[in-house]
C-alpha atoms as a PDB file:
ATOM      1  CA  MET A   1      68.134 108.158  74.165  1.00  0.00           C
ATOM      2  CA  ALA A   2      68.815 111.612  72.479  1.00  0.00           C
ATOM      3  CA  GLU A   3      66.903 114.388  74.744  1.00  0.00           C
ATOM      4  CA  GLY A   4      67.423 117.626  72.654  1.00  0.00           C
ATOM      5  CA  ARG A   5      71.093 118.145  73.030  1.00  0.00           C
ATOM      6  CA  GLN A   6      71.667 115.866  76.157  1.00  0.00           C
ATOM      7  CA  LEU A   7      72.016 112.038  75.721  1.00  0.00           C
ATOM      8  CA  LEU A   8      70.162 110.264  78.278  1.00  0.00           C
ATOM      9  CA  ARG A   9      71.933 106.610  79.504  1.00  0.00           C
ATOM     10  CA  ILE A  10      69.528 104.302  81.286  1.00  0.00           C
ATOM     11  CA  ASP A  11      71.369 102.017  83.910  1.00  0.00           C
ATOM     12  CA  GLN A  12      70.513  99.962  86.904  1.00  0.00           C
ATOM     13  CA  PRO A  13      70.636 102.439  90.062  1.00  0.00           C
ATOM     14  CA  THR A  14      73.652 102.293  92.443  1.00  0.00           C
ATOM     15  CA  LEU A  15      74.111 103.403  96.107  1.00  0.00           C
ATOM     16  CA  ALA A  16      75.223 107.100  94.784  1.00  0.00           C
ATOM     17  CA  ASP A  17      71.701 107.433  93.074  1.00  0.00           C
ATOM     18  CA  GLY A  18      69.678 107.011  96.126  1.00  0.00           C
ATOM     19  CA  ALA A  19      69.592 110.604  97.082  1.00  0.00           C
ATOM     20  CA  GLU A  20      68.974 111.877  93.603  1.00  0.00           C
ATOM     21  CA  MET A  21      66.048 109.484  93.557  1.00  0.00           C
ATOM     22  CA  TRP A  22      64.532 110.857  96.688  1.00  0.00           C
ATOM     23  CA  ARG A  23      64.893 114.266  95.461  1.00  0.00           C
ATOM     24  CA  VAL A  24      63.242 113.585  92.224  1.00  0.00           C
ATOM     25  CA  ALA A  25      60.448 111.840  94.053  1.00  0.00           C
ATOM     26  CA  ARG A  26      60.164 114.867  96.508  1.00  0.00           C
ATOM     27  CA  ASP A  27      60.358 117.532  93.834  1.00  0.00           C
ATOM     28  CA  SER A  28      57.717 115.800  91.993  1.00  0.00           C
ATOM     29  CA  GLY A  29      54.843 116.753  93.991  1.00  0.00           C
ATOM     30  CA  THR A  30      52.837 113.891  93.048  1.00  0.00           C
ATOM     31  CA  LEU A  31      54.718 110.555  94.385  1.00  0.00           C
ATOM     32  CA  ASP A  32      54.430 109.264  97.701  1.00  0.00           C
ATOM     33  CA  LEU A  33      57.532 110.193  99.263  1.00  0.00           C
ATOM     34  CA  ASN A  34      59.581 107.276 101.072  1.00  0.00           C
ATOM     35  CA  SER A  35      62.707 108.078 103.427  1.00  0.00           C
ATOM     36  CA  PRO A  36      66.242 108.653 101.797  1.00  0.00           C
ATOM     37  CA  TYR A  37      66.953 105.415 103.432  1.00  0.00           C
ATOM     38  CA  ALA A  38      64.281 103.494 101.511  1.00  0.00           C
ATOM     39  CA  TYR A  39      65.742 104.855  98.217  1.00  0.00           C
ATOM     40  CA  LEU A  40      69.099 103.384  99.340  1.00  0.00           C
ATOM     41  CA  LEU A  41      67.640 100.033  99.873  1.00  0.00           C
ATOM     42  CA  TRP A  42      66.050 100.165  96.391  1.00  0.00           C
ATOM     43  CA  CYS A  43      69.527 100.896  94.853  1.00  0.00           C
ATOM     44  CA  ARG A  44      70.910  98.211  97.020  1.00  0.00           C
ATOM     45  CA  ASP A  45      68.420  95.544  97.096  1.00  0.00           C
ATOM     46  CA  PHE A  46      66.362  96.158  94.035  1.00  0.00           C
ATOM     47  CA  SER A  47      68.478  97.407  91.337  1.00  0.00           C
ATOM     48  CA  ALA A  48      68.219  94.464  88.868  1.00  0.00           C
ATOM     49  CA  THR A  49      64.458  95.347  88.660  1.00  0.00           C
ATOM     50  CA  SER A  50      64.829  99.199  88.857  1.00  0.00           C
ATOM     51  CA  ALA A  51      66.134 101.781  86.388  1.00  0.00           C
ATOM     52  CA  VAL A  52      67.701 105.228  86.529  1.00  0.00           C
ATOM     53  CA  ALA A  53      68.019 107.872  83.450  1.00  0.00           C
ATOM     54  CA  ARG A  54      71.304 109.690  83.711  1.00  0.00           C
ATOM     55  CA  ALA A  55      71.890 113.059  81.932  1.00  0.00           C
ATOM     56  CA  GLU A  56      74.831 115.377  81.742  1.00  0.00           C
ATOM     57  CA  THR A  57      73.296 117.685  84.394  1.00  0.00           C
ATOM     58  CA  GLY A  58      72.370 114.855  86.979  1.00  0.00           C
ATOM     59  CA  LEU A  59      69.502 112.098  87.357  1.00  0.00           C
ATOM     60  CA  ALA A  60      66.620 112.633  84.866  1.00  0.00           C
ATOM     61  CA  GLY A  61      64.375 109.990  86.325  1.00  0.00           C
ATOM     62  CA  PHE A  62      64.160 106.739  87.750  1.00  0.00           C
ATOM     63  CA  VAL A  63      61.608 103.445  88.064  1.00  0.00           C
ATOM     64  CA  THR A  64      61.535 101.480  90.898  1.00  0.00           C
ATOM     65  CA  GLY A  65      60.288  97.634  90.964  1.00  0.00           C
ATOM     66  CA  TYR A  66      60.576  94.225  92.538  1.00  0.00           C
ATOM     67  CA  THR A  67      59.826  90.737  91.575  1.00  0.00           C
ATOM     68  CA  ARG A  68      56.844  89.834  93.653  1.00  0.00           C
ATOM     69  CA  PRO A  69      58.171  86.791  96.224  1.00  0.00           C
ATOM     70  CA  ASP A  70      54.962  84.783  95.808  1.00  0.00           C
ATOM     71  CA  GLU A  71      54.908  85.291  92.156  1.00  0.00           C
ATOM     72  CA  PRO A  72      58.322  85.469  90.620  1.00  0.00           C
ATOM     73  CA  GLU A  73      56.877  85.845  87.309  1.00  0.00           C
ATOM     74  CA  THR A  74      55.389  89.255  88.120  1.00  0.00           C
ATOM     75  CA  LEU A  75      57.384  92.378  87.984  1.00  0.00           C
ATOM     76  CA  MET A  76      55.757  95.034  90.517  1.00  0.00           C
ATOM     77  CA  VAL A  77      56.434  98.681  89.600  1.00  0.00           C
ATOM     78  CA  TRP A  78      56.559 100.914  92.525  1.00  0.00           C
ATOM     79  CA  GLN A  79      57.203 104.338  91.459  1.00  0.00           C
ATOM     80  CA  VAL A  80      58.140 106.277  88.402  1.00  0.00           C
ATOM     81  CA  GLY A  81      59.740 109.572  88.685  1.00  0.00           C
ATOM     82  CA  VAL A  82      61.181 112.024  86.112  1.00  0.00           C
ATOM     83  CA  ASP A  83      62.940 115.189  87.186  1.00  0.00           C
ATOM     84  CA  ALA A  84      60.800 118.379  85.975  1.00  0.00           C
ATOM     85  CA  ALA A  85      63.552 119.383  83.412  1.00  0.00           C
ATOM     86  CA  HIS A  86      63.002 116.206  81.474  1.00  0.00           C
ATOM     87  CA  ARG A  87      59.201 115.603  81.841  1.00  0.00           C
ATOM     88  CA  GLY A  88      57.278 115.318  78.452  1.00  0.00           C
ATOM     89  CA  LYS A  89      60.163 113.822  76.599  1.00  0.00           C
ATOM     90  CA  GLY A  90      59.567 110.180  76.745  1.00  0.00           C
ATOM     91  CA  VAL A  91      61.896 109.708  79.752  1.00  0.00           C
ATOM     92  CA  ALA A  92      59.489 107.581  81.869  1.00  0.00           C
ATOM     93  CA  SER A  93      58.289 105.268  78.926  1.00  0.00           C
ATOM     94  CA  SER A  94      62.136 104.788  78.101  1.00  0.00           C
ATOM     95  CA  LEU A  95      62.735 103.741  81.614  1.00  0.00           C
ATOM     96  CA  LEU A  96      59.859 101.412  81.902  1.00  0.00           C
ATOM     97  CA  GLN A  97      60.743  99.914  78.646  1.00  0.00           C
ATOM     98  CA  ALA A  98      64.030  99.103  80.004  1.00  0.00           C
ATOM     99  CA  VAL A  99      63.008  97.715  83.262  1.00  0.00           C
ATOM    100  CA  VAL A 100      60.491  95.441  81.462  1.00  0.00           C
ATOM    101  CA  ASP A 101      62.999  94.066  78.757  1.00  0.00           C
ATOM    102  CA  ARG A 102      65.606  93.379  81.258  1.00  0.00           C
ATOM    103  CA  ALA A 103      62.884  91.607  83.669  1.00  0.00           C
ATOM    104  CA  VAL A 104      61.401  89.476  80.618  1.00  0.00           C
ATOM    105  CA  GLY A 105      65.089  88.275  80.039  1.00  0.00           C
ATOM    106  CA  HIS A 106      64.776  86.912  83.518  1.00  0.00           C
ATOM    107  CA  GLY A 107      61.652  85.293  83.261  1.00  0.00           C
ATOM    108  CA  VAL A 108      59.182  87.810  84.184  1.00  0.00           C
ATOM    109  CA  ARG A 109      55.935  87.553  82.171  1.00  0.00           C
ATOM    110  CA  TRP A 110      53.456  89.911  83.967  1.00  0.00           C
ATOM    111  CA  LEU A 111      53.755  93.655  85.366  1.00  0.00           C
ATOM    112  CA  GLU A 112      51.624  95.066  88.038  1.00  0.00           C
ATOM    113  CA  THR A 113      51.272  98.509  89.505  1.00  0.00           C
ATOM    114  CA  THR A 114      49.002 100.678  91.300  1.00  0.00           C
ATOM    115  CA  ILE A 115      47.599 103.812  90.186  1.00  0.00           C
ATOM    116  CA  THR A 116      45.100 106.119  91.643  1.00  0.00           C
ATOM    117  CA  ALA A 117      42.110 106.942  89.422  1.00  0.00           C
ATOM    118  CA  ASP A 118      43.108 110.638  89.028  1.00  0.00           C
ATOM    119  CA  ASN A 119      46.774 109.775  87.823  1.00  0.00           C
ATOM    120  CA  ARG A 120      46.018 110.397  84.272  1.00  0.00           C
ATOM    121  CA  ALA A 121      49.665 110.530  83.289  1.00  0.00           C
ATOM    122  CA  SER A 122      50.369 106.980  84.828  1.00  0.00           C
ATOM    123  CA  ILE A 123      47.290 105.521  83.314  1.00  0.00           C
ATOM    124  CA  ALA A 124      48.463 106.810  79.992  1.00  0.00           C
ATOM    125  CA  LEU A 125      52.153 105.466  80.575  1.00  0.00           C
ATOM    126  CA  PHE A 126      51.087 101.816  81.546  1.00  0.00           C
ATOM    127  CA  SER A 127      48.200 101.834  78.823  1.00  0.00           C
ATOM    128  CA  ALA A 128      50.635 102.740  76.077  1.00  0.00           C
ATOM    129  CA  LEU A 129      53.153 100.079  77.583  1.00  0.00           C
ATOM    130  CA  ALA A 130      50.739  97.317  77.386  1.00  0.00           C
ATOM    131  CA  ARG A 131      49.579  98.705  73.822  1.00  0.00           C
ATOM    132  CA  ASN A 132      53.235  98.815  72.466  1.00  0.00           C
ATOM    133  CA  ARG A 133      53.983  95.267  73.792  1.00  0.00           C
ATOM    134  CA  GLY A 134      50.951  93.841  72.426  1.00  0.00           C
ATOM    135  CA  ALA A 135      49.982  92.795  75.994  1.00  0.00           C
ATOM    136  CA  ARG A 136      46.616  92.461  77.782  1.00  0.00           C
ATOM    137  CA  LEU A 137      45.934  95.273  80.410  1.00  0.00           C
ATOM    138  CA  SER A 138      43.549  94.614  83.205  1.00  0.00           C
ATOM    139  CA  VAL A 139      42.499  96.860  85.782  1.00  0.00           C
ATOM    140  CA  GLY A 140      40.848  96.105  89.162  1.00  0.00           C
ATOM    141  CA  GLY A 141      40.518  97.586  92.762  1.00  0.00           C
ATOM    142  CA  LEU A 142      43.351  96.533  95.061  1.00  0.00           C
ATOM    143  CA  PHE A 143      43.712  98.979  98.200  1.00  0.00           C
ATOM    144  CA  GLY A 144      40.717 100.682  99.198  1.00  0.00           C
ATOM    145  CA  ASP A 145      41.077 104.045 100.569  1.00  0.00           C
ATOM    146  CA  GLU A 146      39.628 102.635 103.889  1.00  0.00           C
ATOM    147  CA  LEU A 147      43.219 100.578 104.075  1.00  0.00           C
ATOM    148  CA  PHE A 148      44.936 103.771 104.237  1.00  0.00           C
ATOM    149  CA  ALA A 149      43.885 105.284 107.605  1.00  0.00           C
ATOM    150  CA  GLY A 150      42.398 108.287 105.830  1.00  0.00           C
ATOM    151  CA  THR A 151      45.692 109.361 104.495  1.00  0.00           C
ATOM    152  CA  HIS A 152      45.399 108.205 100.738  1.00  0.00           C
ATOM    153  CA  ILE A 153      42.671 107.665  98.062  1.00  0.00           C
ATOM    154  CA  ALA A 154      42.277 104.165  96.648  1.00  0.00           C
ATOM    155  CA  GLU A 155      44.871 102.532  94.426  1.00  0.00           C
ATOM    156  CA  ASP A 156      43.735 100.377  91.415  1.00  0.00           C
ATOM    157  CA  LEU A 157      45.662  97.534  90.412  1.00  0.00           C
ATOM    158  CA  TYR A 158      46.847  97.413  86.830  1.00  0.00           C
ATOM    159  CA  ARG A 159      48.136  94.089  85.467  1.00  0.00           C
ATOM    160  CA  ILE A 160      49.824  93.794  82.036  1.00  0.00           C
ATOM    161  CA  GLY A 161      50.841  90.719  80.023  1.00  0.00           C
ATOM    162  CA  PRO A 162      51.902  88.078  79.589  1.00  0.00           C
ATOM    163  CA  PHE A 163      55.139  89.231  77.942  1.00  0.00           C
ATOM    164  CA  VAL A 164      56.634  86.755  75.602  1.00  0.00           C
END
């Protein structure tokens, strides 16, 4: 992917990416920040269903996801994070497309994610994915704010598919 004068390369994450993924999440100001340890686990255990975008200057962004154990045809996308210097340049969309392409090659037919009602950027990102893939998008409640013990607003479930 050409990014101005920088070329971005999309790969599966490795353990060496964990700290940078944590930094991008921390610096986003919007993502729920997991511990650095959690990002290392994503890189080790869920690298096949996650992706990173590498720029000459470092990590440009990441997507973390996993295949649901009770629904192996469903990819759950956990987080999408893009470094501030690379926002608004299609990095998130490219990362998401790469993860979906890889997952579909392994039998995934559906994508799920949760989004708060005020997160317009994520709503636009996942709506565009559904449109570009010619897939259905359904939205419904999943985790009400009462489940978060007063620490978080409700998360709606976005389900996209089937992918062919």
